[in-house]
Amino acid sequence: MNQDVRVAIIGASGRMGRQLITTTVHTKGVLLGAAIVRKGSSFCGKDAGELAKYDNLGVSITDDLKLVINDFDILIDFTHQDRTLKNLELCLQYHKPMVIGTTGLDKKSQELIKESAQEIALVYSANFSIGINLLLKLVEKTTKVIGSDYDIEIIEAHHRHKSDSPSGTAQKIAATISNEMNWNVEPHSLHAGPDINGSRTKNTIGLSSLRAGDIIGDHTVMFANIGERIEISHKASNRIIFAKGALKAAKWLRTYKTGFFDMIDVLNLHDI
């Protein structure tokens, strides 16, 4: 299949939306089919190139997803929970695949997305960076070898405007560790440091969140024991890594009619 995949970018005027437009222009095999912004945005009717510092891309910005439903093959959504669910409803109606990078989704919303994959193809990931997904595999392997003997801490840091905490990526890391150890640790049971009496409870995952400045995204997983500690870290310095990952997912997803996938599937990392 050699035809370029047409993507729609929703939340086009946001930080990730602008980055996605810019990256789409420079990515082979992908075309910008539509750019959607919030209702009443001053960008409506303008060319999408204005959001990416290009003169003209030939795509008119709109605030109505339904109006451009036939202009794209796959919708890329990095917005907010309520908006993502509304977009999902429309994509189900018109059988449009989705790449979802929205973070802060509650359990009910995540389950709804998974159920929707019976009707359309979906890639949902808390983080589309190739590096983070490699980190997840390294954490999984490390946990398998030493997880029962070491204290495990997750430290994540993001910019001051990030609304959800802990980050979706940190929760994914915690779930990866928990699944490997059969701990069934839910995000709400993670602690942010030692217990009140100063000791550490066995089979817990420590999690610390920082919000400061313009940090795009830092994640460190620490395995600590008496005499040594292992730290596995990833630091994002540019949002282009998330945009590249999302577009890679869109190109990969086009061959599927239904199914629920994540970046581990897209990158074929299951067997490493």
Foldseek 3Di string as FASTA:
>chain_A
DQAAFEEEEEQLLDPLNLLLVQVQVVDPSYAHQAYAYAPPDPQAQPASCVSNVHDHRPYGYYNDCVVRVVRGQEYEDQDEQVVVVVVLVVCLVVLHEYEYQHKPHDPVSVVVVQVSLVQFAYAYDVFLFPLLVVLLVVLLVVLLVCVQAWAKEKEKEAAQPDDDPPRPSSQVSVVSSCVSVVLPDHPVQAAAADDPVRHHDGPHYHYHYYYHHGFHMKMWMWTDDVPDIDIDIDGDDDSNSRSVSSVLVSVVRSVDSGDYHYSCVSVVVPPD
